[in-house]
Amino acid sequence: MAETTAAPVSVKANLGRKTIKKMGRDKRKAKIATDKEFAGKLFAAKAKRSDDKKTAFRKKKNKK
């Protein structure tokens, strides 16, 4: 998931990778806390990806 921060590119140029990633995580966390529609879609998609992985694994292991 590509996170973008509120900081302009010129400000981000002087920051390290870890700092930029942390800013993105903080921004996403704040959005989840305030925007319930976004949070619902985010976690529904996360659950769907998890279910798809489990299904694919099960199909792969049961082929005999």
PDB file of N, CA and C in Angstrom:
ATOM      1  N   MET A   1       0.853  -1.169   0.000  1.00  0.00           N
ATOM      2  CA  MET A   1       0.000   0.000   0.000  1.00  0.00           C
ATOM      3  C   MET A   1       0.893   1.223   0.000  1.00  0.00           C
ATOM      4  N   ALA A   2       0.699   2.070  -0.983  1.00  0.00           N
ATOM      5  CA  ALA A   2       1.532   3.260  -1.092  1.00  0.00           C
ATOM      6  C   ALA A   2       0.934   4.378  -0.248  1.00  0.00           C
ATOM      7  N   GLU A   3       1.686   4.805   0.728  1.00  0.00           N
ATOM      8  CA  GLU A   3       1.218   5.899   1.573  1.00  0.00           C
ATOM      9  C   GLU A   3       1.809   7.202   1.072  1.00  0.00           C
ATOM     10  N   THR A   4       1.022   8.249   1.111  1.00  0.00           N
ATOM     11  CA  THR A   4       1.523   9.574   0.790  1.00  0.00           C
ATOM     12  C   THR A   4       1.368  10.427   2.031  1.00  0.00           C
ATOM     13  N   THR A   5       2.269  11.329   2.194  1.00  0.00           N
ATOM     14  CA  THR A   5       2.214  12.195   3.362  1.00  0.00           C
ATOM     15  C   THR A   5       1.771  13.581   2.939  1.00  0.00           C
ATOM     16  N   ALA A   6       1.420  14.395   3.908  1.00  0.00           N
ATOM     17  CA  ALA A   6       0.975  15.756   3.617  1.00  0.00           C
ATOM     18  C   ALA A   6       2.149  16.667   3.275  1.00  0.00           C
ATOM     19  N   ALA A   7       3.371  16.227   3.573  1.00  0.00           N
ATOM     20  CA  ALA A   7       4.545  17.054   3.331  1.00  0.00           C
ATOM     21  C   ALA A   7       4.841  17.155   1.838  1.00  0.00           C
ATOM     22  N   PRO A   8       5.211  18.345   1.365  1.00  0.00           N
ATOM     23  CA  PRO A   8       5.593  18.486  -0.045  1.00  0.00           C
ATOM     24  C   PRO A   8       6.853  17.691  -0.362  1.00  0.00           C
ATOM     25  N   VAL A   9       7.082  17.423  -1.628  1.00  0.00           N
ATOM     26  CA  VAL A   9       8.221  16.615  -2.049  1.00  0.00           C
ATOM     27  C   VAL A   9       9.533  17.230  -1.578  1.00  0.00           C
ATOM     28  N   SER A  10       9.657  18.548  -1.621  1.00  0.00           N
ATOM     29  CA  SER A  10      10.902  19.197  -1.226  1.00  0.00           C
ATOM     30  C   SER A  10      11.227  18.952   0.247  1.00  0.00           C
ATOM     31  N   VAL A  11      10.209  18.863   1.091  1.00  0.00           N
ATOM     32  CA  VAL A  11      10.428  18.590   2.517  1.00  0.00           C
ATOM     33  C   VAL A  11      10.799  17.123   2.708  1.00  0.00           C
ATOM     34  N   LYS A  12      10.139  16.236   1.959  1.00  0.00           N
ATOM     35  CA  LYS A  12      10.410  14.810   2.088  1.00  0.00           C
ATOM     36  C   LYS A  12      11.804  14.442   1.595  1.00  0.00           C
ATOM     37  N   ALA A  13      12.383  15.255   0.710  1.00  0.00           N
ATOM     38  CA  ALA A  13      13.688  14.944   0.132  1.00  0.00           C
ATOM     39  C   ALA A  13      14.768  14.884   1.210  1.00  0.00           C
ATOM     40  N   ASN A  14      14.607  15.626   2.278  1.00  0.00           N
ATOM     41  CA  ASN A  14      15.626  15.658   3.328  1.00  0.00           C
ATOM     42  C   ASN A  14      15.363  14.650   4.438  1.00  0.00           C
ATOM     43  N   LEU A  15      14.309  13.858   4.304  1.00  0.00           N
ATOM     44  CA  LEU A  15      13.961  12.895   5.339  1.00  0.00           C
ATOM     45  C   LEU A  15      14.392  11.499   4.925  1.00  0.00           C
ATOM     46  N   GLY A  16      14.615  10.653   5.929  1.00  0.00           N
ATOM     47  CA  GLY A  16      14.989   9.273   5.651  1.00  0.00           C
ATOM     48  C   GLY A  16      13.773   8.417   5.338  1.00  0.00           C
ATOM     49  N   ARG A  17      14.036   7.254   4.793  1.00  0.00           N
ATOM     50  CA  ARG A  17      12.977   6.321   4.415  1.00  0.00           C
ATOM     51  C   ARG A  17      12.107   5.945   5.616  1.00  0.00           C
ATOM     52  N   LYS A  18      12.745   5.666   6.749  1.00  0.00           N
ATOM     53  CA  LYS A  18      11.991   5.275   7.940  1.00  0.00           C
ATOM     54  C   LYS A  18      11.057   6.393   8.402  1.00  0.00           C
ATOM     55  N   THR A  19      11.539   7.621   8.346  1.00  0.00           N
ATOM     56  CA  THR A  19      10.741   8.766   8.778  1.00  0.00           C
ATOM     57  C   THR A  19       9.535   8.956   7.864  1.00  0.00           C
ATOM     58  N   ILE A  20       9.758   8.841   6.557  1.00  0.00           N
ATOM     59  CA  ILE A  20       8.665   9.009   5.602  1.00  0.00           C
ATOM     60  C   ILE A  20       7.621   7.908   5.788  1.00  0.00           C
ATOM     61  N   LYS A  21       8.083   6.663   5.999  1.00  0.00           N
ATOM     62  CA  LYS A  21       7.146   5.553   6.220  1.00  0.00           C
ATOM     63  C   LYS A  21       6.343   5.771   7.505  1.00  0.00           C
ATOM     64  N   LYS A  22       7.006   6.276   8.552  1.00  0.00           N
ATOM     65  CA  LYS A  22       6.308   6.533   9.809  1.00  0.00           C
ATOM     66  C   LYS A  22       5.247   7.615   9.626  1.00  0.00           C
ATOM     67  N   MET A  23       5.576   8.648   8.860  1.00  0.00           N
ATOM     68  CA  MET A  23       4.605   9.714   8.600  1.00  0.00           C
ATOM     69  C   MET A  23       3.384   9.142   7.880  1.00  0.00           C
ATOM     70  N   GLY A  24       3.619   8.249   6.933  1.00  0.00           N
ATOM     71  CA  GLY A  24       2.522   7.621   6.209  1.00  0.00           C
ATOM     72  C   GLY A  24       1.668   6.756   7.108  1.00  0.00           C
ATOM     73  N   ARG A  25       2.308   5.993   7.991  1.00  0.00           N
ATOM     74  CA  ARG A  25       1.552   5.147   8.926  1.00  0.00           C
ATOM     75  C   ARG A  25       0.716   6.002   9.868  1.00  0.00           C
ATOM     76  N   ASP A  26       1.304   7.090  10.352  1.00  0.00           N
ATOM     77  CA  ASP A  26       0.574   7.986  11.258  1.00  0.00           C
ATOM     78  C   ASP A  26      -0.628   8.608  10.550  1.00  0.00           C
ATOM     79  N   LYS A  27      -0.427   8.988   9.284  1.00  0.00           N
ATOM     80  CA  LYS A  27      -1.516   9.583   8.510  1.00  0.00           C
ATOM     81  C   LYS A  27      -2.639   8.570   8.308  1.00  0.00           C
ATOM     82  N   ARG A  28      -2.272   7.313   7.975  1.00  0.00           N
ATOM     83  CA  ARG A  28      -3.277   6.260   7.771  1.00  0.00           C
ATOM     84  C   ARG A  28      -4.024   5.974   9.076  1.00  0.00           C
ATOM     85  N   LYS A  29      -3.304   5.924  10.184  1.00  0.00           N
ATOM     86  CA  LYS A  29      -3.920   5.662  11.480  1.00  0.00           C
ATOM     87  C   LYS A  29      -4.922   6.758  11.841  1.00  0.00           C
ATOM     88  N   ALA A  30      -4.561   8.006  11.569  1.00  0.00           N
ATOM     89  CA  ALA A  30      -5.465   9.126  11.848  1.00  0.00           C
ATOM     90  C   ALA A  30      -6.711   9.046  10.971  1.00  0.00           C
ATOM     91  N   LYS A  31      -6.530   8.668   9.712  1.00  0.00           N
ATOM     92  CA  LYS A  31      -7.672   8.570   8.796  1.00  0.00           C
ATOM     93  C   LYS A  31      -8.604   7.448   9.230  1.00  0.00           C
ATOM     94  N   ILE A  32      -8.054   6.322   9.688  1.00  0.00           N
ATOM     95  CA  ILE A  32      -8.877   5.211  10.171  1.00  0.00           C
ATOM     96  C   ILE A  32      -9.703   5.653  11.379  1.00  0.00           C
ATOM     97  N   ALA A  33      -9.084   6.435  12.256  1.00  0.00           N
ATOM     98  CA  ALA A  33      -9.771   6.874  13.468  1.00  0.00           C
ATOM     99  C   ALA A  33     -10.899   7.853  13.168  1.00  0.00           C
ATOM    100  N   THR A  34     -10.749   8.673  12.126  1.00  0.00           N
ATOM    101  CA  THR A  34     -11.741   9.713  11.860  1.00  0.00           C
ATOM    102  C   THR A  34     -12.740   9.342  10.774  1.00  0.00           C
ATOM    103  N   ASP A  35     -12.324   8.548   9.789  1.00  0.00           N
ATOM    104  CA  ASP A  35     -13.177   8.233   8.635  1.00  0.00           C
ATOM    105  C   ASP A  35     -13.628   6.774   8.725  1.00  0.00           C
ATOM    106  N   LYS A  36     -14.822   6.551   9.275  1.00  0.00           N
ATOM    107  CA  LYS A  36     -15.301   5.186   9.501  1.00  0.00           C
ATOM    108  C   LYS A  36     -15.588   4.449   8.196  1.00  0.00           C
ATOM    109  N   GLU A  37     -15.997   5.174   7.159  1.00  0.00           N
ATOM    110  CA  GLU A  37     -16.248   4.523   5.865  1.00  0.00           C
ATOM    111  C   GLU A  37     -14.941   3.970   5.284  1.00  0.00           C
ATOM    112  N   PHE A  38     -13.886   4.778   5.366  1.00  0.00           N
ATOM    113  CA  PHE A  38     -12.565   4.345   4.897  1.00  0.00           C
ATOM    114  C   PHE A  38     -12.097   3.131   5.695  1.00  0.00           C
ATOM    115  N   ALA A  39     -12.273   3.188   7.012  1.00  0.00           N
ATOM    116  CA  ALA A  39     -11.835   2.088   7.874  1.00  0.00           C
ATOM    117  C   ALA A  39     -12.564   0.797   7.510  1.00  0.00           C
ATOM    118  N   GLY A  40     -13.860   0.899   7.280  1.00  0.00           N
ATOM    119  CA  GLY A  40     -14.633  -0.286   6.924  1.00  0.00           C
ATOM    120  C   GLY A  40     -14.148  -0.910   5.631  1.00  0.00           C
ATOM    121  N   LYS A  41     -13.912  -0.080   4.623  1.00  0.00           N
ATOM    122  CA  LYS A  41     -13.432  -0.585   3.329  1.00  0.00           C
ATOM    123  C   LYS A  41     -12.035  -1.184   3.470  1.00  0.00           C
ATOM    124  N   LEU A  42     -11.177  -0.527   4.238  1.00  0.00           N
ATOM    125  CA  LEU A  42      -9.804  -0.987   4.410  1.00  0.00           C
ATOM    126  C   LEU A  42      -9.773  -2.374   5.046  1.00  0.00           C
ATOM    127  N   PHE A  43     -10.511  -2.546   6.141  1.00  0.00           N
ATOM    128  CA  PHE A  43     -10.468  -3.819   6.848  1.00  0.00           C
ATOM    129  C   PHE A  43     -11.227  -4.908   6.110  1.00  0.00           C
ATOM    130  N   ALA A  44     -12.265  -4.548   5.345  1.00  0.00           N
ATOM    131  CA  ALA A  44     -12.963  -5.534   4.529  1.00  0.00           C
ATOM    132  C   ALA A  44     -12.038  -6.061   3.434  1.00  0.00           C
ATOM    133  N   ALA A  45     -11.282  -5.167   2.816  1.00  0.00           N
ATOM    134  CA  ALA A  45     -10.338  -5.578   1.771  1.00  0.00           C
ATOM    135  C   ALA A  45      -9.225  -6.433   2.360  1.00  0.00           C
ATOM    136  N   LYS A  46      -8.769  -6.071   3.560  1.00  0.00           N
ATOM    137  CA  LYS A  46      -7.718  -6.834   4.224  1.00  0.00           C
ATOM    138  C   LYS A  46      -8.193  -8.253   4.528  1.00  0.00           C
ATOM    139  N   ALA A  47      -9.425  -8.373   5.001  1.00  0.00           N
ATOM    140  CA  ALA A  47     -10.001  -9.691   5.296  1.00  0.00           C
ATOM    141  C   ALA A  47     -10.169 -10.504   4.016  1.00  0.00           C
ATOM    142  N   LYS A  48     -10.582  -9.851   2.935  1.00  0.00           N
ATOM    143  CA  LYS A  48     -10.764 -10.548   1.657  1.00  0.00           C
ATOM    144  C   LYS A  48      -9.440 -11.094   1.152  1.00  0.00           C
ATOM    145  N   ARG A  49      -8.372 -10.296   1.236  1.00  0.00           N
ATOM    146  CA  ARG A  49      -7.053 -10.769   0.797  1.00  0.00           C
ATOM    147  C   ARG A  49      -6.608 -11.960   1.634  1.00  0.00           C
ATOM    148  N   SER A  50      -6.865 -11.908   2.927  1.00  0.00           N
ATOM    149  CA  SER A  50      -6.497 -13.007   3.813  1.00  0.00           C
ATOM    150  C   SER A  50      -7.256 -14.280   3.437  1.00  0.00           C
ATOM    151  N   ASP A  51      -8.552 -14.144   3.178  1.00  0.00           N
ATOM    152  CA  ASP A  51      -9.365 -15.300   2.784  1.00  0.00           C
ATOM    153  C   ASP A  51      -8.891 -15.867   1.451  1.00  0.00           C
ATOM    154  N   ASP A  52      -8.541 -14.991   0.520  1.00  0.00           N
ATOM    155  CA  ASP A  52      -8.063 -15.442  -0.792  1.00  0.00           C
ATOM    156  C   ASP A  52      -6.751 -16.218  -0.653  1.00  0.00           C
ATOM    157  N   LYS A  53      -5.874 -15.763   0.216  1.00  0.00           N
ATOM    158  CA  LYS A  53      -4.605 -16.461   0.434  1.00  0.00           C
ATOM    159  C   LYS A  53      -4.855 -17.856   1.018  1.00  0.00           C
ATOM    160  N   LYS A  54      -5.764 -17.934   1.982  1.00  0.00           N
ATOM    161  CA  LYS A  54      -6.073 -19.221   2.605  1.00  0.00           C
ATOM    162  C   LYS A  54      -6.672 -20.180   1.593  1.00  0.00           C
ATOM    163  N   THR A  55      -7.569 -19.673   0.737  1.00  0.00           N
ATOM    164  CA  THR A  55      -8.203 -20.505  -0.275  1.00  0.00           C
ATOM    165  C   THR A  55      -7.162 -21.020  -1.269  1.00  0.00           C
ATOM    166  N   ALA A  56      -6.281 -20.143  -1.719  1.00  0.00           N
ATOM    167  CA  ALA A  56      -5.241 -20.539  -2.666  1.00  0.00           C
ATOM    168  C   ALA A  56      -4.317 -21.583  -2.052  1.00  0.00           C
ATOM    169  N   PHE A  57      -3.952 -21.405  -0.795  1.00  0.00           N
ATOM    170  CA  PHE A  57      -3.086 -22.364  -0.109  1.00  0.00           C
ATOM    171  C   PHE A  57      -3.774 -23.723  -0.014  1.00  0.00           C
ATOM    172  N   ARG A  58      -5.049 -23.698   0.366  1.00  0.00           N
ATOM    173  CA  ARG A  58      -5.805 -24.943   0.498  1.00  0.00           C
ATOM    174  C   ARG A  58      -5.894 -25.677  -0.844  1.00  0.00           C
ATOM    175  N   LYS A  59      -6.163 -24.921  -1.921  1.00  0.00           N
ATOM    176  CA  LYS A  59      -6.250 -25.532  -3.255  1.00  0.00           C
ATOM    177  C   LYS A  59      -4.919 -26.146  -3.652  1.00  0.00           C
ATOM    178  N   LYS A  60      -3.836 -25.435  -3.353  1.00  0.00           N
ATOM    179  CA  LYS A  60      -2.507 -25.916  -3.717  1.00  0.00           C
ATOM    180  C   LYS A  60      -2.158 -27.208  -2.974  1.00  0.00           C
ATOM    181  N   LYS A  61      -2.500 -27.260  -1.699  1.00  0.00           N
ATOM    182  CA  LYS A  61      -2.143 -28.425  -0.881  1.00  0.00           C
ATOM    183  C   LYS A  61      -3.043 -29.632  -1.148  1.00  0.00           C
ATOM    184  N   ASN A  62      -4.265 -29.397  -1.603  1.00  0.00           N
ATOM    185  CA  ASN A  62      -5.196 -30.510  -1.819  1.00  0.00           C
ATOM    186  C   ASN A  62      -5.089 -31.126  -3.200  1.00  0.00           C
ATOM    187  N   LYS A  63      -4.267 -30.561  -4.088  1.00  0.00           N
ATOM    188  CA  LYS A  63      -4.092 -31.154  -5.415  1.00  0.00           C
ATOM    189  C   LYS A  63      -3.255 -32.410  -5.302  1.00  0.00           C
ATOM    190  N   LYS A  64      -3.859 -33.552  -5.604  1.00  0.00           N
ATOM    191  CA  LYS A  64      -3.105 -34.819  -5.559  1.00  0.00           C
ATOM    192  C   LYS A  64      -3.620 -35.768  -6.597  1.00  0.00           C
TER     193      LYS A  64
END
